[in-house]
PDB file of N, CA and C in Angstrom:
ATOM      1  N   UNK A   1      88.450 345.346 127.522  1.00  0.00           N
ATOM      2  CA  UNK A   1      87.230 344.743 128.004  1.00  0.00           C
ATOM      3  C   UNK A   1      87.169 344.702 129.513  1.00  0.00           C
ATOM      4  N   UNK A   2      88.110 345.368 130.155  1.00  0.00           N
ATOM      5  CA  UNK A   2      88.088 345.351 131.608  1.00  0.00           C
ATOM      6  C   UNK A   2      86.776 345.902 132.123  1.00  0.00           C
ATOM      7  N   UNK A   3      86.272 345.274 133.163  1.00  0.00           N
ATOM      8  CA  UNK A   3      85.024 345.695 133.765  1.00  0.00           C
ATOM      9  C   UNK A   3      83.799 345.237 132.997  1.00  0.00           C
ATOM     10  N   UNK A   4      84.024 344.490 131.943  1.00  0.00           N
ATOM     11  CA  UNK A   4      82.917 344.019 131.113  1.00  0.00           C
ATOM     12  C   UNK A   4      82.669 342.544 131.376  1.00  0.00           C
ATOM     13  N   UNK A   5      81.404 342.132 131.254  1.00  0.00           N
ATOM     14  CA  UNK A   5      81.076 340.714 131.383  1.00  0.00           C
ATOM     15  C   UNK A   5      81.279 339.985 130.063  1.00  0.00           C
ATOM     16  N   UNK A   6      81.564 340.724 129.013  1.00  0.00           N
ATOM     17  CA  UNK A   6      81.713 340.153 127.691  1.00  0.00           C
ATOM     18  C   UNK A   6      83.024 339.382 127.607  1.00  0.00           C
ATOM     19  N   UNK A   7      82.988 338.247 126.932  1.00  0.00           N
ATOM     20  CA  UNK A   7      84.185 337.448 126.747  1.00  0.00           C
ATOM     21  C   UNK A   7      84.948 337.957 125.524  1.00  0.00           C
ATOM     22  N   UNK A   8      86.296 337.921 125.539  1.00  0.00           N
ATOM     23  CA  UNK A   8      87.046 338.336 124.368  1.00  0.00           C
ATOM     24  C   UNK A   8      86.679 337.471 123.163  1.00  0.00           C
ATOM     25  N   UNK A   9      86.760 338.065 121.994  1.00  0.00           N
ATOM     26  CA  UNK A   9      86.520 337.386 120.736  1.00  0.00           C
ATOM     27  C   UNK A   9      85.067 336.963 120.578  1.00  0.00           C
ATOM     28  N   UNK A  10      84.168 337.480 121.410  1.00  0.00           N
ATOM     29  CA  UNK A  10      82.744 337.230 121.255  1.00  0.00           C
ATOM     30  C   UNK A  10      82.318 335.806 121.536  1.00  0.00           C
ATOM     31  N   UNK A  11      83.117 335.062 122.251  1.00  0.00           N
ATOM     32  CA  UNK A  11      82.777 333.665 122.505  1.00  0.00           C
ATOM     33  C   UNK A  11      82.491 333.482 123.987  1.00  0.00           C
ATOM     34  N   UNK A  12      81.279 333.121 124.292  1.00  0.00           N
ATOM     35  CA  UNK A  12      80.838 332.920 125.679  1.00  0.00           C
ATOM     36  C   UNK A  12      80.661 331.419 125.885  1.00  0.00           C
ATOM     37  N   UNK A  13      81.453 330.837 126.772  1.00  0.00           N
ATOM     38  CA  UNK A  13      81.333 329.399 126.986  1.00  0.00           C
ATOM     39  C   UNK A  13      81.135 329.039 128.449  1.00  0.00           C
ATOM     40  N   UNK A  14      80.777 329.985 129.251  1.00  0.00           N
ATOM     41  CA  UNK A  14      80.481 329.663 130.640  1.00  0.00           C
ATOM     42  C   UNK A  14      81.446 330.292 131.617  1.00  0.00           C
ATOM     43  N   UNK A  15      80.933 330.572 132.785  1.00  0.00           N
ATOM     44  CA  UNK A  15      81.691 331.277 133.811  1.00  0.00           C
ATOM     45  C   UNK A  15      82.940 330.525 134.250  1.00  0.00           C
ATOM     46  N   UNK A  16      82.847 329.208 134.417  1.00  0.00           N
ATOM     47  CA  UNK A  16      83.983 328.440 134.909  1.00  0.00           C
ATOM     48  C   UNK A  16      84.815 327.854 133.767  1.00  0.00           C
ATOM     49  N   UNK A  17      84.460 328.171 132.544  1.00  0.00           N
ATOM     50  CA  UNK A  17      85.109 327.586 131.387  1.00  0.00           C
ATOM     51  C   UNK A  17      86.355 328.348 130.973  1.00  0.00           C
ATOM     52  N   UNK A  18      87.127 327.726 130.135  1.00  0.00           N
ATOM     53  CA  UNK A  18      88.290 328.357 129.537  1.00  0.00           C
ATOM     54  C   UNK A  18      87.824 328.999 128.227  1.00  0.00           C
ATOM     55  N   UNK A  19      88.196 330.232 128.025  1.00  0.00           N
ATOM     56  CA  UNK A  19      87.791 330.987 126.840  1.00  0.00           C
ATOM     57  C   UNK A  19      88.779 330.754 125.704  1.00  0.00           C
ATOM     58  N   UNK A  20      88.271 330.565 124.494  1.00  0.00           N
ATOM     59  CA  UNK A  20      89.130 330.294 123.344  1.00  0.00           C
ATOM     60  C   UNK A  20      90.094 331.448 123.077  1.00  0.00           C
ATOM     61  N   UNK A  21      89.661 332.663 123.318  1.00  0.00           N
ATOM     62  CA  UNK A  21      90.559 333.806 123.139  1.00  0.00           C
ATOM     63  C   UNK A  21      91.751 333.744 124.069  1.00  0.00           C
ATOM     64  N   UNK A  22      91.502 333.293 125.297  1.00  0.00           N
ATOM     65  CA  UNK A  22      92.591 333.135 126.267  1.00  0.00           C
ATOM     66  C   UNK A  22      93.577 332.079 125.764  1.00  0.00           C
ATOM     67  N   UNK A  23      93.082 330.990 125.185  1.00  0.00           N
ATOM     68  CA  UNK A  23      93.952 329.941 124.630  1.00  0.00           C
ATOM     69  C   UNK A  23      94.811 330.522 123.508  1.00  0.00           C
ATOM     70  N   UNK A  24      94.190 331.262 122.594  1.00  0.00           N
ATOM     71  CA  UNK A  24      94.940 331.860 121.479  1.00  0.00           C
ATOM     72  C   UNK A  24      96.042 332.775 121.992  1.00  0.00           C
ATOM     73  N   UNK A  25      95.705 333.613 122.978  1.00  0.00           N
ATOM     74  CA  UNK A  25      96.688 334.542 123.530  1.00  0.00           C
ATOM     75  C   UNK A  25      97.866 333.807 124.154  1.00  0.00           C
ATOM     76  N   UNK A  26      97.577 332.806 124.978  1.00  0.00           N
ATOM     77  CA  UNK A  26      98.648 332.061 125.639  1.00  0.00           C
ATOM     78  C   UNK A  26      99.520 331.336 124.609  1.00  0.00           C
ATOM     79  N   UNK A  27      98.914 330.743 123.608  1.00  0.00           N
ATOM     80  CA  UNK A  27      99.689 330.030 122.579  1.00  0.00           C
ATOM     81  C   UNK A  27     100.569 331.005 121.800  1.00  0.00           C
ATOM     82  N   UNK A  28     100.023 332.163 121.449  1.00  0.00           N
ATOM     83  CA  UNK A  28     100.808 333.165 120.717  1.00  0.00           C
ATOM     84  C   UNK A  28     101.993 333.660 121.532  1.00  0.00           C
ATOM     85  N   UNK A  29     101.824 333.750 122.847  1.00  0.00           N
ATOM     86  CA  UNK A  29     102.899 334.206 123.741  1.00  0.00           C
ATOM     87  C   UNK A  29     103.816 333.056 124.170  1.00  0.00           C
ATOM     88  N   UNK A  30     103.505 331.845 123.696  1.00  0.00           N
ATOM     89  CA  UNK A  30     104.246 330.630 124.088  1.00  0.00           C
ATOM     90  C   UNK A  30     104.173 330.399 125.587  1.00  0.00           C
ATOM     91  N   UNK A  31     103.040 330.779 126.187  1.00  0.00           N
ATOM     92  CA  UNK A  31     102.812 330.584 127.621  1.00  0.00           C
ATOM     93  C   UNK A  31     101.969 329.335 127.838  1.00  0.00           C
ATOM     94  N   UNK A  32     102.564 328.193 127.488  1.00  0.00           N
ATOM     95  CA  UNK A  32     101.889 326.931 127.729  1.00  0.00           C
ATOM     96  C   UNK A  32     102.926 325.891 128.126  1.00  0.00           C
ATOM     97  N   UNK A  33     102.455 324.912 128.871  1.00  0.00           N
ATOM     98  CA  UNK A  33     103.323 323.816 129.272  1.00  0.00           C
ATOM     99  C   UNK A  33     102.576 322.508 129.122  1.00  0.00           C
ATOM    100  N   UNK A  34     103.321 321.448 128.920  1.00  0.00           N
ATOM    101  CA  UNK A  34     102.750 320.124 128.733  1.00  0.00           C
ATOM    102  C   UNK A  34     102.900 319.307 130.005  1.00  0.00           C
ATOM    103  N   UNK A  35     101.870 318.548 130.336  1.00  0.00           N
ATOM    104  CA  UNK A  35     101.978 317.595 131.442  1.00  0.00           C
ATOM    105  C   UNK A  35     102.870 316.439 130.986  1.00  0.00           C
ATOM    106  N   UNK A  36     103.289 315.611 131.919  1.00  0.00           N
ATOM    107  CA  UNK A  36     104.048 314.409 131.567  1.00  0.00           C
ATOM    108  C   UNK A  36     103.254 313.516 130.630  1.00  0.00           C
ATOM    109  N   UNK A  37     101.959 313.408 130.891  1.00  0.00           N
ATOM    110  CA  UNK A  37     101.091 312.598 130.030  1.00  0.00           C
ATOM    111  C   UNK A  37     101.063 313.161 128.609  1.00  0.00           C
ATOM    112  N   UNK A  38     100.958 314.489 128.489  1.00  0.00           N
ATOM    113  CA  UNK A  38     100.932 315.110 127.166  1.00  0.00           C
ATOM    114  C   UNK A  38     102.242 314.870 126.417  1.00  0.00           C
ATOM    115  N   UNK A  39     103.370 314.935 127.118  1.00  0.00           N
ATOM    116  CA  UNK A  39     104.663 314.651 126.478  1.00  0.00           C
ATOM    117  C   UNK A  39     104.693 313.220 125.946  1.00  0.00           C
ATOM    118  N   UNK A  40     104.217 312.282 126.759  1.00  0.00           N
ATOM    119  CA  UNK A  40     104.206 310.878 126.339  1.00  0.00           C
ATOM    120  C   UNK A  40     103.314 310.690 125.115  1.00  0.00           C
ATOM    121  N   UNK A  41     102.097 311.250 125.157  1.00  0.00           N
ATOM    122  CA  UNK A  41     101.177 311.127 124.023  1.00  0.00           C
ATOM    123  C   UNK A  41     101.739 311.817 122.780  1.00  0.00           C
ATOM    124  N   UNK A  42     102.358 312.963 122.969  1.00  0.00           N
ATOM    125  CA  UNK A  42     102.959 313.701 121.856  1.00  0.00           C
ATOM    126  C   UNK A  42     104.015 312.854 121.153  1.00  0.00           C
ATOM    127  N   UNK A  43     104.841 312.191 121.944  1.00  0.00           N
ATOM    128  CA  UNK A  43     105.889 311.345 121.371  1.00  0.00           C
ATOM    129  C   UNK A  43     105.295 310.132 120.666  1.00  0.00           C
ATOM    130  N   UNK A  44     104.298 309.494 121.273  1.00  0.00           N
ATOM    131  CA  UNK A  44     103.670 308.326 120.652  1.00  0.00           C
ATOM    132  C   UNK A  44     102.971 308.685 119.346  1.00  0.00           C
ATOM    133  N   UNK A  45     102.383 309.863 119.280  1.00  0.00           N
ATOM    134  CA  UNK A  45     101.653 310.319 118.090  1.00  0.00           C
ATOM    135  C   UNK A  45     102.562 311.025 117.078  1.00  0.00           C
ATOM    136  N   UNK A  46     103.830 311.216 117.466  1.00  0.00           N
ATOM    137  CA  UNK A  46     104.807 311.928 116.644  1.00  0.00           C
ATOM    138  C   UNK A  46     104.297 313.336 116.314  1.00  0.00           C
ATOM    139  N   UNK A  47     104.009 314.086 117.373  1.00  0.00           N
ATOM    140  CA  UNK A  47     103.564 315.472 117.261  1.00  0.00           C
ATOM    141  C   UNK A  47     104.638 316.334 117.915  1.00  0.00           C
ATOM    142  N   UNK A  48     105.165 317.277 117.172  1.00  0.00           N
ATOM    143  CA  UNK A  48     106.182 318.173 117.709  1.00  0.00           C
ATOM    144  C   UNK A  48     105.524 319.304 118.505  1.00  0.00           C
ATOM    145  N   UNK A  49     106.259 319.842 119.459  1.00  0.00           N
ATOM    146  CA  UNK A  49     105.737 320.943 120.278  1.00  0.00           C
ATOM    147  C   UNK A  49     105.320 322.119 119.407  1.00  0.00           C
ATOM    148  N   UNK A  50     106.069 322.421 118.359  1.00  0.00           N
ATOM    149  CA  UNK A  50     105.712 323.531 117.476  1.00  0.00           C
ATOM    150  C   UNK A  50     104.387 323.265 116.762  1.00  0.00           C
ATOM    151  N   UNK A  51     104.059 321.990 116.509  1.00  0.00           N
ATOM    152  CA  UNK A  51     102.773 321.649 115.896  1.00  0.00           C
ATOM    153  C   UNK A  51     101.626 321.868 116.882  1.00  0.00           C
ATOM    154  N   UNK A  52     101.875 321.596 118.152  1.00  0.00           N
ATOM    155  CA  UNK A  52     100.856 321.851 119.181  1.00  0.00           C
ATOM    156  C   UNK A  52     100.569 323.344 119.240  1.00  0.00           C
ATOM    157  N   UNK A  53     101.612 324.146 119.265  1.00  0.00           N
ATOM    158  CA  UNK A  53     101.420 325.604 119.287  1.00  0.00           C
ATOM    159  C   UNK A  53     100.662 326.066 118.054  1.00  0.00           C
ATOM    160  N   UNK A  54     101.042 325.567 116.897  1.00  0.00           N
ATOM    161  CA  UNK A  54     100.359 325.944 115.659  1.00  0.00           C
ATOM    162  C   UNK A  54      98.874 325.596 115.729  1.00  0.00           C
ATOM    163  N   UNK A  55      98.561 324.441 116.304  1.00  0.00           N
ATOM    164  CA  UNK A  55      97.158 324.028 116.446  1.00  0.00           C
ATOM    165  C   UNK A  55      96.419 324.930 117.436  1.00  0.00           C
ATOM    166  N   UNK A  56      97.095 325.369 118.488  1.00  0.00           N
ATOM    167  CA  UNK A  56      96.448 326.166 119.531  1.00  0.00           C
ATOM    168  C   UNK A  56      96.188 327.617 119.133  1.00  0.00           C
ATOM    169  N   UNK A  57      97.010 328.200 118.284  1.00  0.00           N
ATOM    170  CA  UNK A  57      96.874 329.625 117.985  1.00  0.00           C
ATOM    171  C   UNK A  57      95.608 329.971 117.214  1.00  0.00           C
ATOM    172  N   UNK A  58      94.965 328.969 116.623  1.00  0.00           N
ATOM    173  CA  UNK A  58      93.715 329.247 115.902  1.00  0.00           C
ATOM    174  C   UNK A  58      92.688 328.143 116.139  1.00  0.00           C
ATOM    175  N   UNK A  59      92.743 327.548 117.302  1.00  0.00           N
ATOM    176  CA  UNK A  59      91.879 326.406 117.615  1.00  0.00           C
ATOM    177  C   UNK A  59      90.424 326.827 117.835  1.00  0.00           C
ATOM    178  N   UNK A  60      89.571 325.830 117.901  1.00  0.00           N
ATOM    179  CA  UNK A  60      88.180 326.025 118.292  1.00  0.00           C
ATOM    180  C   UNK A  60      87.863 325.021 119.389  1.00  0.00           C
ATOM    181  N   UNK A  61      86.974 325.398 120.281  1.00  0.00           N
ATOM    182  CA  UNK A  61      86.592 324.505 121.373  1.00  0.00           C
ATOM    183  C   UNK A  61      85.520 323.543 120.877  1.00  0.00           C
ATOM    184  N   UNK A  62      85.791 322.244 121.034  1.00  0.00           N
ATOM    185  CA  UNK A  62      84.821 321.211 120.673  1.00  0.00           C
ATOM    186  C   UNK A  62      83.967 320.795 121.858  1.00  0.00           C
ATOM    187  N   UNK A  63      84.595 320.630 123.010  1.00  0.00           N
ATOM    188  CA  UNK A  63      83.896 320.189 124.217  1.00  0.00           C
ATOM    189  C   UNK A  63      84.425 320.986 125.399  1.00  0.00           C
ATOM    190  N   UNK A  64      83.534 321.329 126.295  1.00  0.00           N
ATOM    191  CA  UNK A  64      83.875 322.114 127.466  1.00  0.00           C
ATOM    192  C   UNK A  64      83.638 321.262 128.706  1.00  0.00           C
ATOM    193  N   UNK A  65      84.592 321.238 129.624  1.00  0.00           N
ATOM    194  CA  UNK A  65      84.490 320.451 130.854  1.00  0.00           C
ATOM    195  C   UNK A  65      84.646 321.377 132.063  1.00  0.00           C
ATOM    196  N   UNK A  66      83.665 322.239 132.321  1.00  0.00           N
ATOM    197  CA  UNK A  66      83.805 323.230 133.400  1.00  0.00           C
ATOM    198  C   UNK A  66      83.826 322.620 134.796  1.00  0.00           C
ATOM    199  N   UNK A  67      83.271 321.426 134.956  1.00  0.00           N
ATOM    200  CA  UNK A  67      83.182 320.817 136.289  1.00  0.00           C
ATOM    201  C   UNK A  67      84.185 319.692 136.506  1.00  0.00           C
ATOM    202  N   UNK A  68      85.218 319.625 135.696  1.00  0.00           N
ATOM    203  CA  UNK A  68      86.253 318.608 135.878  1.00  0.00           C
ATOM    204  C   UNK A  68      86.826 318.782 137.282  1.00  0.00           C
ATOM    205  N   UNK A  69      86.933 317.688 138.068  1.00  0.00           N
ATOM    206  CA  UNK A  69      87.433 317.805 139.444  1.00  0.00           C
ATOM    207  C   UNK A  69      88.854 318.369 139.534  1.00  0.00           C
ATOM    208  N   UNK A  70      89.627 318.266 138.469  1.00  0.00           N
ATOM    209  CA  UNK A  70      90.997 318.807 138.470  1.00  0.00           C
ATOM    210  C   UNK A  70      91.031 320.277 138.073  1.00  0.00           C
ATOM    211  N   UNK A  71      89.869 320.825 137.716  1.00  0.00           N
ATOM    212  CA  UNK A  71      89.780 322.218 137.286  1.00  0.00           C
ATOM    213  C   UNK A  71      89.183 322.294 135.899  1.00  0.00           C
ATOM    214  N   UNK A  72      88.585 323.429 135.560  1.00  0.00           N
ATOM    215  CA  UNK A  72      87.966 323.581 134.247  1.00  0.00           C
ATOM    216  C   UNK A  72      88.948 323.249 133.123  1.00  0.00           C
ATOM    217  N   UNK A  73      88.452 322.555 132.120  1.00  0.00           N
ATOM    218  CA  UNK A  73      89.273 322.198 130.972  1.00  0.00           C
ATOM    219  C   UNK A  73      88.378 322.131 129.745  1.00  0.00           C
ATOM    220  N   UNK A  74      88.998 321.919 128.608  1.00  0.00           N
ATOM    221  CA  UNK A  74      88.228 321.803 127.372  1.00  0.00           C
ATOM    222  C   UNK A  74      89.033 321.031 126.341  1.00  0.00           C
ATOM    223  N   UNK A  75      88.316 320.491 125.367  1.00  0.00           N
ATOM    224  CA  UNK A  75      88.919 319.813 124.228  1.00  0.00           C
ATOM    225  C   UNK A  75      88.873 320.781 123.062  1.00  0.00           C
ATOM    226  N   UNK A  76      90.022 321.021 122.442  1.00  0.00           N
ATOM    227  CA  UNK A  76      90.060 321.910 121.288  1.00  0.00           C
ATOM    228  C   UNK A  76      90.553 321.164 120.060  1.00  0.00           C
ATOM    229  N   UNK A  77      90.146 321.676 118.917  1.00  0.00           N
ATOM    230  CA  UNK A  77      90.596 321.183 117.634  1.00  0.00           C
ATOM    231  C   UNK A  77      91.400 322.282 116.968  1.00  0.00           C
ATOM    232  N   UNK A  78      92.582 321.943 116.535  1.00  0.00           N
ATOM    233  CA  UNK A  78      93.404 322.867 115.774  1.00  0.00           C
ATOM    234  C   UNK A  78      94.125 322.096 114.691  1.00  0.00           C
ATOM    235  N   UNK A  79      94.828 322.825 113.859  1.00  0.00           N
ATOM    236  CA  UNK A  79      95.510 322.196 112.734  1.00  0.00           C
ATOM    237  C   UNK A  79      96.959 322.629 112.685  1.00  0.00           C
ATOM    238  N   UNK A  80      97.797 321.686 112.315  1.00  0.00           N
ATOM    239  CA  UNK A  80      99.182 321.963 111.968  1.00  0.00           C
ATOM    240  C   UNK A  80      99.281 321.594 110.502  1.00  0.00           C
ATOM    241  N   UNK A  81      99.337 322.593 109.659  1.00  0.00           N
ATOM    242  CA  UNK A  81      99.199 322.335 108.229  1.00  0.00           C
ATOM    243  C   UNK A  81      97.790 321.817 108.004  1.00  0.00           C
ATOM    244  N   UNK A  82      97.689 320.660 107.384  1.00  0.00           N
ATOM    245  CA  UNK A  82      96.358 320.064 107.170  1.00  0.00           C
ATOM    246  C   UNK A  82      96.048 318.971 108.193  1.00  0.00           C
ATOM    247  N   UNK A  83      96.959 318.730 109.121  1.00  0.00           N
ATOM    248  CA  UNK A  83      96.778 317.663 110.110  1.00  0.00           C
ATOM    249  C   UNK A  83      95.977 318.157 111.309  1.00  0.00           C
ATOM    250  N   UNK A  84      94.850 317.492 111.568  1.00  0.00           N
ATOM    251  CA  UNK A  84      94.006 317.819 112.718  1.00  0.00           C
ATOM    252  C   UNK A  84      94.666 317.307 113.995  1.00  0.00           C
ATOM    253  N   UNK A  85      94.639 318.146 115.036  1.00  0.00           N
ATOM    254  CA  UNK A  85      95.201 317.783 116.332  1.00  0.00           C
ATOM    255  C   UNK A  85      94.188 318.161 117.408  1.00  0.00           C
ATOM    256  N   UNK A  86      93.927 317.227 118.316  1.00  0.00           N
ATOM    257  CA  UNK A  86      93.083 317.498 119.482  1.00  0.00           C
ATOM    258  C   UNK A  86      93.995 317.760 120.672  1.00  0.00           C
ATOM    259  N   UNK A  87      93.623 318.787 121.446  1.00  0.00           N
ATOM    260  CA  UNK A  87      94.373 319.129 122.653  1.00  0.00           C
ATOM    261  C   UNK A  87      93.372 319.334 123.779  1.00  0.00           C
ATOM    262  N   UNK A  88      93.589 318.674 124.902  1.00  0.00           N
ATOM    263  CA  UNK A  88      92.792 318.936 126.096  1.00  0.00           C
ATOM    264  C   UNK A  88      93.584 319.955 126.903  1.00  0.00           C
ATOM    265  N   UNK A  89      92.937 321.099 127.166  1.00  0.00           N
ATOM    266  CA  UNK A  89      93.590 322.244 127.797  1.00  0.00           C
ATOM    267  C   UNK A  89      93.026 322.526 129.179  1.00  0.00           C
ATOM    268  N   UNK A  90      93.890 322.972 130.047  1.00  0.00           N
ATOM    269  CA  UNK A  90      93.506 323.459 131.365  1.00  0.00           C
ATOM    270  C   UNK A  90      94.292 324.727 131.638  1.00  0.00           C
ATOM    271  N   UNK A  91      94.331 325.115 132.904  1.00  0.00           N
ATOM    272  CA  UNK A  91      95.009 326.346 133.299  1.00  0.00           C
ATOM    273  C   UNK A  91      95.886 326.041 134.508  1.00  0.00           C
ATOM    274  N   UNK A  92      97.119 326.528 134.482  1.00  0.00           N
ATOM    275  CA  UNK A  92      97.995 326.340 135.631  1.00  0.00           C
ATOM    276  C   UNK A  92      97.663 327.383 136.695  1.00  0.00           C
ATOM    277  N   UNK A  93      98.172 327.184 137.899  1.00  0.00           N
ATOM    278  CA  UNK A  93      97.963 328.167 138.969  1.00  0.00           C
ATOM    279  C   UNK A  93      98.620 329.494 138.623  1.00  0.00           C
ATOM    280  N   UNK A  94      99.639 329.455 137.765  1.00  0.00           N
ATOM    281  CA  UNK A  94     100.304 330.678 137.323  1.00  0.00           C
ATOM    282  C   UNK A  94      99.656 331.299 136.097  1.00  0.00           C
ATOM    283  N   UNK A  95      98.476 330.816 135.729  1.00  0.00           N
ATOM    284  CA  UNK A  95      97.686 331.323 134.613  1.00  0.00           C
ATOM    285  C   UNK A  95      98.323 331.059 133.251  1.00  0.00           C
ATOM    286  N   UNK A  96      99.059 329.970 133.135  1.00  0.00           N
ATOM    287  CA  UNK A  96      99.552 329.517 131.846  1.00  0.00           C
ATOM    288  C   UNK A  96      98.574 328.481 131.319  1.00  0.00           C
ATOM    289  N   UNK A  97      98.621 328.255 130.027  1.00  0.00           N
ATOM    290  CA  UNK A  97      97.829 327.207 129.385  1.00  0.00           C
ATOM    291  C   UNK A  97      98.495 325.869 129.682  1.00  0.00           C
ATOM    292  N   UNK A  98      97.710 324.930 130.159  1.00  0.00           N
ATOM    293  CA  UNK A  98      98.220 323.600 130.466  1.00  0.00           C
ATOM    294  C   UNK A  98      97.704 322.622 129.422  1.00  0.00           C
ATOM    295  N   UNK A  99      98.619 321.979 128.714  1.00  0.00           N
ATOM    296  CA  UNK A  99      98.257 320.947 127.748  1.00  0.00           C
ATOM    297  C   UNK A  99      98.222 319.629 128.516  1.00  0.00           C
ATOM    298  N   UNK A 100      97.009 319.130 128.727  1.00  0.00           N
ATOM    299  CA  UNK A 100      96.801 317.927 129.530  1.00  0.00           C
ATOM    300  C   UNK A 100      97.070 316.677 128.709  1.00  0.00           C
ATOM    301  N   UNK A 101      96.580 316.668 127.496  1.00  0.00           N
ATOM    302  CA  UNK A 101      96.883 315.589 126.560  1.00  0.00           C
ATOM    303  C   UNK A 101      96.738 316.119 125.150  1.00  0.00           C
ATOM    304  N   UNK A 102      97.323 315.402 124.219  1.00  0.00           N
ATOM    305  CA  UNK A 102      97.291 315.783 122.813  1.00  0.00           C
ATOM    306  C   UNK A 102      97.282 314.498 121.990  1.00  0.00           C
ATOM    307  N   UNK A 103      96.499 314.495 120.912  1.00  0.00           N
ATOM    308  CA  UNK A 103      96.425 313.310 120.070  1.00  0.00           C
ATOM    309  C   UNK A 103      95.845 313.646 118.706  1.00  0.00           C
ATOM    310  N   UNK A 104      95.996 312.711 117.791  1.00  0.00           N
ATOM    311  CA  UNK A 104      95.419 312.823 116.459  1.00  0.00           C
ATOM    312  C   UNK A 104      94.064 312.118 116.504  1.00  0.00           C
ATOM    313  N   UNK A 105      92.961 312.813 116.181  1.00  0.00           N
ATOM    314  CA  UNK A 105      91.644 312.171 116.232  1.00  0.00           C
ATOM    315  C   UNK A 105      91.475 311.160 115.096  1.00  0.00           C
ATOM    316  N   UNK A 106      91.124 309.917 115.469  1.00  0.00           N
ATOM    317  CA  UNK A 106      90.923 308.860 114.465  1.00  0.00           C
ATOM    318  C   UNK A 106      90.121 307.724 115.068  1.00  0.00           C
ATOM    319  N   UNK A 107      89.700 306.812 114.203  1.00  0.00           N
ATOM    320  CA  UNK A 107      88.979 305.632 114.672  1.00  0.00           C
ATOM    321  C   UNK A 107      89.868 304.845 115.623  1.00  0.00           C
ATOM    322  N   UNK A 108      89.325 304.204 116.613  1.00  0.00           N
ATOM    323  CA  UNK A 108      87.908 303.913 116.834  1.00  0.00           C
ATOM    324  C   UNK A 108      87.150 304.989 117.611  1.00  0.00           C
ATOM    325  N   UNK A 109      87.834 305.991 118.158  1.00  0.00           N
ATOM    326  CA  UNK A 109      87.129 306.973 118.991  1.00  0.00           C
ATOM    327  C   UNK A 109      86.512 308.113 118.200  1.00  0.00           C
ATOM    328  N   UNK A 110      87.085 308.450 117.063  1.00  0.00           N
ATOM    329  CA  UNK A 110      86.617 309.594 116.277  1.00  0.00           C
ATOM    330  C   UNK A 110      86.351 309.181 114.840  1.00  0.00           C
ATOM    331  N   UNK A 111      85.193 309.574 114.307  1.00  0.00           N
ATOM    332  CA  UNK A 111      84.862 309.331 112.903  1.00  0.00           C
ATOM    333  C   UNK A 111      85.652 310.311 112.043  1.00  0.00           C
ATOM    334  N   UNK A 112      85.701 311.548 112.472  1.00  0.00           N
ATOM    335  CA  UNK A 112      86.547 312.574 111.859  1.00  0.00           C
ATOM    336  C   UNK A 112      86.944 313.533 112.974  1.00  0.00           C
ATOM    337  N   UNK A 113      87.616 314.614 112.640  1.00  0.00           N
ATOM    338  CA  UNK A 113      88.137 315.487 113.698  1.00  0.00           C
ATOM    339  C   UNK A 113      87.077 316.188 114.524  1.00  0.00           C
ATOM    340  N   UNK A 114      85.830 316.209 114.050  1.00  0.00           N
ATOM    341  CA  UNK A 114      84.752 316.884 114.774  1.00  0.00           C
ATOM    342  C   UNK A 114      83.686 315.955 115.350  1.00  0.00           C
ATOM    343  N   UNK A 115      83.687 314.704 114.940  1.00  0.00           N
ATOM    344  CA  UNK A 115      82.592 313.814 115.326  1.00  0.00           C
ATOM    345  C   UNK A 115      83.102 312.555 116.017  1.00  0.00           C
ATOM    346  N   UNK A 116      82.627 312.387 117.268  1.00  0.00           N
ATOM    347  CA  UNK A 116      82.968 311.175 118.025  1.00  0.00           C
ATOM    348  C   UNK A 116      82.230 309.975 117.457  1.00  0.00           C
ATOM    349  N   UNK A 117      82.873 308.831 117.504  1.00  0.00           N
ATOM    350  CA  UNK A 117      82.214 307.586 117.131  1.00  0.00           C
ATOM    351  C   UNK A 117      81.304 307.177 118.282  1.00  0.00           C
ATOM    352  N   UNK A 118      80.183 306.598 117.955  1.00  0.00           N
ATOM    353  CA  UNK A 118      79.251 306.144 118.988  1.00  0.00           C
ATOM    354  C   UNK A 118      79.628 304.736 119.422  1.00  0.00           C
ATOM    355  N   UNK A 119      79.467 304.476 120.698  1.00  0.00           N
ATOM    356  CA  UNK A 119      79.737 303.124 121.208  1.00  0.00           C
ATOM    357  C   UNK A 119      78.734 302.168 120.597  1.00  0.00           C
ATOM    358  N   UNK A 120      79.208 301.005 120.214  1.00  0.00           N
ATOM    359  CA  UNK A 120      78.325 300.012 119.629  1.00  0.00           C
ATOM    360  C   UNK A 120      78.067 300.227 118.154  1.00  0.00           C
ATOM    361  N   UNK A 121      78.641 301.257 117.572  1.00  0.00           N
ATOM    362  CA  UNK A 121      78.489 301.518 116.160  1.00  0.00           C
ATOM    363  C   UNK A 121      79.228 300.427 115.389  1.00  0.00           C
ATOM    364  N   UNK A 122      78.537 299.734 114.516  1.00  0.00           N
ATOM    365  CA  UNK A 122      79.141 298.608 113.799  1.00  0.00           C
ATOM    366  C   UNK A 122      80.214 299.045 112.807  1.00  0.00           C
ATOM    367  N   UNK A 123      80.164 300.300 112.393  1.00  0.00           N
ATOM    368  CA  UNK A 123      81.160 300.791 111.452  1.00  0.00           C
ATOM    369  C   UNK A 123      82.455 301.187 112.151  1.00  0.00           C
ATOM    370  N   UNK A 124      82.431 301.189 113.466  1.00  0.00           N
ATOM    371  CA  UNK A 124      83.603 301.593 114.241  1.00  0.00           C
ATOM    372  C   UNK A 124      84.387 300.364 114.655  1.00  0.00           C
ATOM    373  N   UNK A 125      85.661 300.390 114.375  1.00  0.00           N
ATOM    374  CA  UNK A 125      86.530 299.238 114.717  1.00  0.00           C
ATOM    375  C   UNK A 125      86.715 299.136 116.209  1.00  0.00           C
TER     376      UNK A 125
END
């Protein structure tokens, strides 16, 4: 695709955004690193590094944050077995995938792995 404006895997998410195909490639090559915050969250949520990789190799982008002051990032949803895992991804200066944070989506912030809970929703704890 060199010289083409087309994004790999047919997914166009914006000029400053992270492309899902790029995430899949980096995860498959094990070219990702976790921030200190991601390590802490991973331990608190009891998520192993191999589960993060498994979630990343076939993830989908849920939210895109192209204007994040720390650099373009996105929230992805992936699965380790049947367990849904959310990963906020960025890019290192060396072009590796940066795992900014990782967590299991659940109430009170998430109704399910794809739907955020609304503030003030009485059904949300």
